[in-house]
Amino acid sequence: MTHKMKLCPEPFMMIRRGCKTIELRLNDEKRQKIKIGDTIEFTQTETGEKISAEVICLHHFSSFSELYKRLPLLKCGYTEADISNAKPEDMELYYSSEQQSKYGVLGIEIKVIG
């Protein structure tokens, strides 16, 4: 199955370069359908450029706090400098604590195809 996700230019380019191999998302109804072996088509929001990646592992957590404790943040697109300032609360700009409680969160480990 192929899933579609849109990304801002910076995370899109990090995936394309291979330095971001885990995409962080709310595990809502749409993402609960993602399975290992599926393809995700990422589209850069500004240019419309697309890349495809295969899902190689799924990491399920109850919240971004738990995810940040357990996953290697370098694989999530953070630099060494970013990691000391990375706070799970920053994800609440996108996903509220209520949404996290309801659905949990997901680290989608990917490998770019081609």
N, C-alpha and C. Protein backbone atom coordinates (compact mmCIF):
# COMPACT_ATOMS: atom_id res chain seq x y z
N MET A 1 0.85 -1.18 0.00
CA MET A 1 0.00 0.00 0.00
C MET A 1 0.89 1.24 0.00
N THR A 2 0.48 2.26 -0.72
CA THR A 2 1.22 3.52 -0.76
C THR A 2 0.49 4.59 0.05
N HIS A 3 1.23 5.28 0.89
CA HIS A 3 0.69 6.37 1.71
C HIS A 3 1.33 7.66 1.23
N LYS A 4 0.64 8.76 1.42
CA LYS A 4 1.15 10.06 0.97
C LYS A 4 1.30 10.99 2.17
N MET A 5 2.45 11.68 2.23
CA MET A 5 2.70 12.65 3.29
C MET A 5 3.38 13.86 2.69
N LYS A 6 3.05 15.04 3.21
CA LYS A 6 3.68 16.28 2.77
C LYS A 6 4.70 16.72 3.80
N LEU A 7 5.82 17.26 3.32
CA LEU A 7 6.88 17.73 4.21
C LEU A 7 7.37 19.09 3.77
N CYS A 8 7.77 19.90 4.75
CA CYS A 8 8.43 21.18 4.46
C CYS A 8 9.79 20.87 3.83
N PRO A 9 10.38 21.86 3.15
CA PRO A 9 11.63 21.61 2.42
C PRO A 9 12.75 20.98 3.24
N GLU A 10 13.01 21.48 4.46
CA GLU A 10 14.16 20.99 5.22
C GLU A 10 14.04 19.51 5.57
N PRO A 11 12.94 19.05 6.21
CA PRO A 11 12.87 17.60 6.48
C PRO A 11 12.82 16.75 5.22
N PHE A 12 12.22 17.28 4.16
CA PHE A 12 12.19 16.56 2.88
C PHE A 12 13.62 16.32 2.39
N MET A 13 14.44 17.37 2.40
CA MET A 13 15.82 17.24 1.92
C MET A 13 16.64 16.32 2.82
N MET A 14 16.37 16.33 4.13
CA MET A 14 17.09 15.45 5.05
C MET A 14 16.78 13.99 4.74
N ILE A 15 15.53 13.69 4.40
CA ILE A 15 15.18 12.32 4.01
C ILE A 15 15.87 11.97 2.70
N ARG A 16 15.84 12.90 1.75
CA ARG A 16 16.46 12.64 0.46
C ARG A 16 17.96 12.37 0.59
N ARG A 17 18.62 13.09 1.50
CA ARG A 17 20.06 12.89 1.73
C ARG A 17 20.35 11.65 2.59
N GLY A 18 19.32 11.07 3.20
CA GLY A 18 19.51 9.88 4.03
C GLY A 18 19.90 10.17 5.46
N CYS A 19 19.82 11.44 5.89
CA CYS A 19 20.20 11.74 7.27
C CYS A 19 18.98 11.84 8.19
N LYS A 20 17.79 11.64 7.66
CA LYS A 20 16.58 11.52 8.49
C LYS A 20 15.92 10.22 8.06
N THR A 21 15.95 9.23 8.95
CA THR A 21 15.43 7.91 8.58
C THR A 21 14.21 7.52 9.41
N ILE A 22 13.82 8.38 10.37
CA ILE A 22 12.61 8.13 11.15
C ILE A 22 11.74 9.38 11.11
N GLU A 23 10.53 9.22 10.63
CA GLU A 23 9.55 10.31 10.55
C GLU A 23 8.63 10.22 11.77
N LEU A 24 8.43 11.32 12.48
CA LEU A 24 7.63 11.35 13.69
C LEU A 24 6.21 11.81 13.36
N ARG A 25 5.23 11.04 13.79
CA ARG A 25 3.83 11.37 13.48
C ARG A 25 2.91 10.95 14.61
N LEU A 26 1.75 11.59 14.67
CA LEU A 26 0.67 11.11 15.53
C LEU A 26 0.16 9.79 14.96
N ASN A 27 -0.15 8.84 15.80
CA ASN A 27 -0.62 7.54 15.32
C ASN A 27 -2.16 7.56 15.21
N ASP A 28 -2.66 8.46 14.39
CA ASP A 28 -4.11 8.61 14.23
C ASP A 28 -4.66 7.53 13.29
N GLU A 29 -5.95 7.60 12.99
CA GLU A 29 -6.59 6.54 12.19
C GLU A 29 -5.89 6.34 10.84
N LYS A 30 -5.46 7.42 10.24
CA LYS A 30 -4.79 7.34 8.93
C LYS A 30 -3.47 6.58 9.04
N ARG A 31 -2.70 6.85 10.08
CA ARG A 31 -1.38 6.24 10.21
C ARG A 31 -1.44 4.83 10.79
N GLN A 32 -2.55 4.48 11.43
CA GLN A 32 -2.69 3.13 11.96
C GLN A 32 -2.74 2.09 10.84
N LYS A 33 -2.96 2.57 9.62
CA LYS A 33 -3.02 1.67 8.46
C LYS A 33 -1.63 1.36 7.89
N ILE A 34 -0.60 2.09 8.34
CA ILE A 34 0.75 1.90 7.81
C ILE A 34 1.33 0.59 8.34
N LYS A 35 1.91 -0.18 7.43
CA LYS A 35 2.52 -1.47 7.78
C LYS A 35 3.95 -1.53 7.25
N ILE A 36 4.75 -2.39 7.85
CA ILE A 36 6.11 -2.62 7.36
C ILE A 36 6.01 -3.15 5.93
N GLY A 37 6.85 -2.62 5.05
CA GLY A 37 6.82 -3.00 3.65
C GLY A 37 6.02 -2.05 2.78
N ASP A 38 5.18 -1.21 3.39
CA ASP A 38 4.43 -0.21 2.64
C ASP A 38 5.38 0.86 2.09
N THR A 39 4.89 1.62 1.13
CA THR A 39 5.64 2.73 0.55
C THR A 39 4.99 4.04 1.00
N ILE A 40 5.83 5.01 1.33
CA ILE A 40 5.33 6.36 1.61
C ILE A 40 5.88 7.28 0.53
N GLU A 41 4.99 8.02 -0.10
CA GLU A 41 5.40 9.02 -1.08
C GLU A 41 5.40 10.37 -0.37
N PHE A 42 6.60 10.94 -0.20
CA PHE A 42 6.75 12.25 0.43
C PHE A 42 6.77 13.32 -0.66
N THR A 43 5.99 14.38 -0.46
CA THR A 43 5.96 15.50 -1.40
C THR A 43 6.45 16.74 -0.67
N GLN A 44 7.40 17.45 -1.29
CA GLN A 44 7.85 18.71 -0.72
C GLN A 44 6.78 19.76 -0.98
N THR A 45 6.35 20.44 0.07
CA THR A 45 5.22 21.36 -0.04
C THR A 45 5.46 22.52 -1.00
N GLU A 46 6.69 23.00 -1.11
CA GLU A 46 6.94 24.19 -1.93
C GLU A 46 7.15 23.89 -3.41
N THR A 47 7.84 22.79 -3.71
CA THR A 47 8.18 22.53 -5.12
C THR A 47 7.35 21.40 -5.74
N GLY A 48 6.73 20.58 -4.89
CA GLY A 48 5.99 19.44 -5.41
C GLY A 48 6.86 18.23 -5.73
N GLU A 49 8.19 18.36 -5.47
CA GLU A 49 9.09 17.23 -5.71
C GLU A 49 8.68 16.05 -4.83
N LYS A 50 8.85 14.84 -5.35
CA LYS A 50 8.43 13.63 -4.62
C LYS A 50 9.60 12.66 -4.46
N ILE A 51 9.58 11.97 -3.33
CA ILE A 51 10.49 10.84 -3.12
C ILE A 51 9.67 9.71 -2.49
N SER A 52 10.07 8.50 -2.76
CA SER A 52 9.39 7.35 -2.17
C SER A 52 10.32 6.64 -1.21
N ALA A 53 9.73 6.12 -0.14
CA ALA A 53 10.51 5.39 0.86
C ALA A 53 9.71 4.18 1.32
N GLU A 54 10.44 3.12 1.63
CA GLU A 54 9.81 1.91 2.15
C GLU A 54 9.80 1.96 3.68
N VAL A 55 8.70 1.55 4.29
CA VAL A 55 8.61 1.46 5.74
C VAL A 55 9.34 0.19 6.18
N ILE A 56 10.40 0.36 7.00
CA ILE A 56 11.17 -0.81 7.43
C ILE A 56 10.94 -1.17 8.90
N CYS A 57 10.39 -0.23 9.68
CA CYS A 57 10.10 -0.51 11.08
C CYS A 57 9.13 0.54 11.61
N LEU A 58 8.28 0.15 12.55
CA LEU A 58 7.35 1.09 13.19
C LEU A 58 7.61 1.07 14.69
N HIS A 59 7.76 2.26 15.27
CA HIS A 59 8.02 2.40 16.70
C HIS A 59 6.81 3.09 17.33
N HIS A 60 6.09 2.40 18.21
CA HIS A 60 4.88 2.93 18.83
C HIS A 60 5.17 3.40 20.25
N PHE A 61 4.67 4.58 20.59
CA PHE A 61 4.85 5.13 21.94
C PHE A 61 3.57 5.81 22.39
N SER A 62 3.46 6.01 23.70
CA SER A 62 2.27 6.65 24.25
C SER A 62 2.30 8.17 24.08
N SER A 63 3.49 8.74 23.94
CA SER A 63 3.61 10.21 23.82
C SER A 63 4.96 10.54 23.18
N PHE A 64 5.11 11.80 22.78
CA PHE A 64 6.40 12.22 22.24
C PHE A 64 7.47 12.22 23.32
N SER A 65 7.10 12.45 24.60
CA SER A 65 8.08 12.36 25.69
C SER A 65 8.71 10.97 25.71
N GLU A 66 7.86 9.95 25.63
CA GLU A 66 8.35 8.57 25.64
C GLU A 66 9.19 8.28 24.39
N LEU A 67 8.73 8.75 23.25
CA LEU A 67 9.46 8.56 21.99
C LEU A 67 10.84 9.20 22.08
N TYR A 68 10.91 10.43 22.60
CA TYR A 68 12.19 11.14 22.69
C TYR A 68 13.17 10.42 23.61
N LYS A 69 12.66 9.72 24.63
CA LYS A 69 13.53 8.99 25.55
C LYS A 69 14.09 7.73 24.90
N ARG A 70 13.36 7.14 23.99
CA ARG A 70 13.68 5.80 23.50
C ARG A 70 14.29 5.75 22.10
N LEU A 71 14.00 6.72 21.24
CA LEU A 71 14.51 6.68 19.87
C LEU A 71 15.77 7.52 19.72
N PRO A 72 16.70 7.11 18.84
CA PRO A 72 17.88 7.94 18.57
C PRO A 72 17.46 9.18 17.76
N LEU A 73 17.53 10.34 18.38
CA LEU A 73 17.01 11.55 17.73
C LEU A 73 17.80 11.94 16.48
N LEU A 74 19.05 11.50 16.37
CA LEU A 74 19.81 11.79 15.13
C LEU A 74 19.11 11.16 13.93
N LYS A 75 18.47 10.00 14.11
CA LYS A 75 17.76 9.36 13.00
C LYS A 75 16.45 10.08 12.68
N CYS A 76 16.00 10.94 13.60
CA CYS A 76 14.74 11.67 13.41
C CYS A 76 14.97 13.03 12.77
N GLY A 77 16.21 13.33 12.40
CA GLY A 77 16.49 14.58 11.71
C GLY A 77 17.05 15.68 12.58
N TYR A 78 17.30 15.38 13.85
CA TYR A 78 17.92 16.38 14.72
C TYR A 78 19.43 16.32 14.57
N THR A 79 20.08 17.48 14.61
CA THR A 79 21.54 17.51 14.61
C THR A 79 22.01 17.38 16.06
N GLU A 80 23.31 17.17 16.24
CA GLU A 80 23.88 17.11 17.60
C GLU A 80 23.52 18.38 18.37
N ALA A 81 23.61 19.53 17.71
CA ALA A 81 23.29 20.80 18.38
C ALA A 81 21.81 20.89 18.75
N ASP A 82 20.94 20.36 17.88
CA ASP A 82 19.49 20.40 18.14
C ASP A 82 19.10 19.54 19.34
N ILE A 83 19.79 18.42 19.52
CA ILE A 83 19.34 17.43 20.50
C ILE A 83 19.28 18.00 21.91
N SER A 84 20.25 18.84 22.27
CA SER A 84 20.23 19.41 23.63
C SER A 84 19.04 20.34 23.84
N ASN A 85 18.50 20.89 22.76
CA ASN A 85 17.35 21.80 22.85
C ASN A 85 16.03 21.14 22.48
N ALA A 86 16.06 19.88 22.02
CA ALA A 86 14.83 19.21 21.57
C ALA A 86 13.94 18.91 22.77
N LYS A 87 12.71 19.37 22.70
CA LYS A 87 11.76 19.13 23.77
C LYS A 87 10.51 18.49 23.20
N PRO A 88 9.99 17.46 23.84
CA PRO A 88 8.75 16.84 23.35
C PRO A 88 7.61 17.84 23.23
N GLU A 89 7.61 18.85 24.09
CA GLU A 89 6.54 19.85 24.05
C GLU A 89 6.49 20.59 22.72
N ASP A 90 7.62 20.64 22.01
CA ASP A 90 7.65 21.31 20.71
C ASP A 90 6.68 20.63 19.73
N MET A 91 6.48 19.33 19.88
CA MET A 91 5.57 18.62 18.99
C MET A 91 4.12 19.01 19.24
N GLU A 92 3.84 19.64 20.40
CA GLU A 92 2.47 20.08 20.68
C GLU A 92 2.07 21.26 19.80
N LEU A 93 3.03 21.85 19.09
CA LEU A 93 2.67 22.85 18.07
C LEU A 93 1.87 22.17 16.96
N TYR A 94 2.12 20.88 16.77
CA TYR A 94 1.46 20.11 15.71
C TYR A 94 0.41 19.15 16.27
N TYR A 95 0.73 18.52 17.40
CA TYR A 95 -0.15 17.50 17.98
C TYR A 95 -0.33 17.78 19.47
N SER A 96 -1.54 18.07 19.89
CA SER A 96 -1.81 18.40 21.30
C SER A 96 -1.59 17.20 22.22
N SER A 97 -1.44 17.47 23.51
CA SER A 97 -1.28 16.37 24.47
C SER A 97 -2.53 15.50 24.49
N GLU A 98 -3.71 16.10 24.21
CA GLU A 98 -4.95 15.31 24.13
C GLU A 98 -4.90 14.34 22.96
N GLN A 99 -4.40 14.80 21.81
CA GLN A 99 -4.27 13.91 20.65
C GLN A 99 -3.28 12.79 20.94
N GLN A 100 -2.17 13.14 21.59
CA GLN A 100 -1.17 12.12 21.93
C GLN A 100 -1.78 11.07 22.86
N SER A 101 -2.56 11.52 23.85
CA SER A 101 -3.20 10.58 24.78
C SER A 101 -4.19 9.67 24.06
N LYS A 102 -4.92 10.24 23.11
CA LYS A 102 -5.94 9.48 22.40
C LYS A 102 -5.34 8.45 21.44
N TYR A 103 -4.32 8.85 20.67
CA TYR A 103 -3.81 8.00 19.60
C TYR A 103 -2.44 7.38 19.86
N GLY A 104 -1.63 8.01 20.70
CA GLY A 104 -0.23 7.62 20.80
C GLY A 104 0.54 8.23 19.65
N VAL A 105 1.82 7.95 19.60
CA VAL A 105 2.67 8.52 18.55
C VAL A 105 3.47 7.40 17.88
N LEU A 106 4.02 7.72 16.74
CA LEU A 106 4.64 6.74 15.87
C LEU A 106 5.95 7.28 15.32
N GLY A 107 6.98 6.46 15.39
CA GLY A 107 8.21 6.75 14.67
C GLY A 107 8.26 5.80 13.49
N ILE A 108 8.16 6.34 12.28
CA ILE A 108 8.11 5.52 11.07
C ILE A 108 9.51 5.44 10.49
N GLU A 109 10.16 4.30 10.63
CA GLU A 109 11.51 4.14 10.11
C GLU A 109 11.44 3.80 8.64
N ILE A 110 12.18 4.55 7.83
CA ILE A 110 12.07 4.44 6.38
C ILE A 110 13.43 4.28 5.70
N LYS A 111 13.36 3.78 4.48
CA LYS A 111 14.55 3.69 3.62
C LYS A 111 14.13 4.20 2.25
N VAL A 112 14.83 5.21 1.76
CA VAL A 112 14.49 5.80 0.46
C VAL A 112 14.67 4.76 -0.63
N ILE A 113 13.72 4.72 -1.55
CA ILE A 113 13.74 3.78 -2.68
C ILE A 113 14.40 4.46 -3.86
N GLY A 114 15.38 3.79 -4.45
CA GLY A 114 16.02 4.31 -5.65
C GLY A 114 17.22 5.17 -5.38
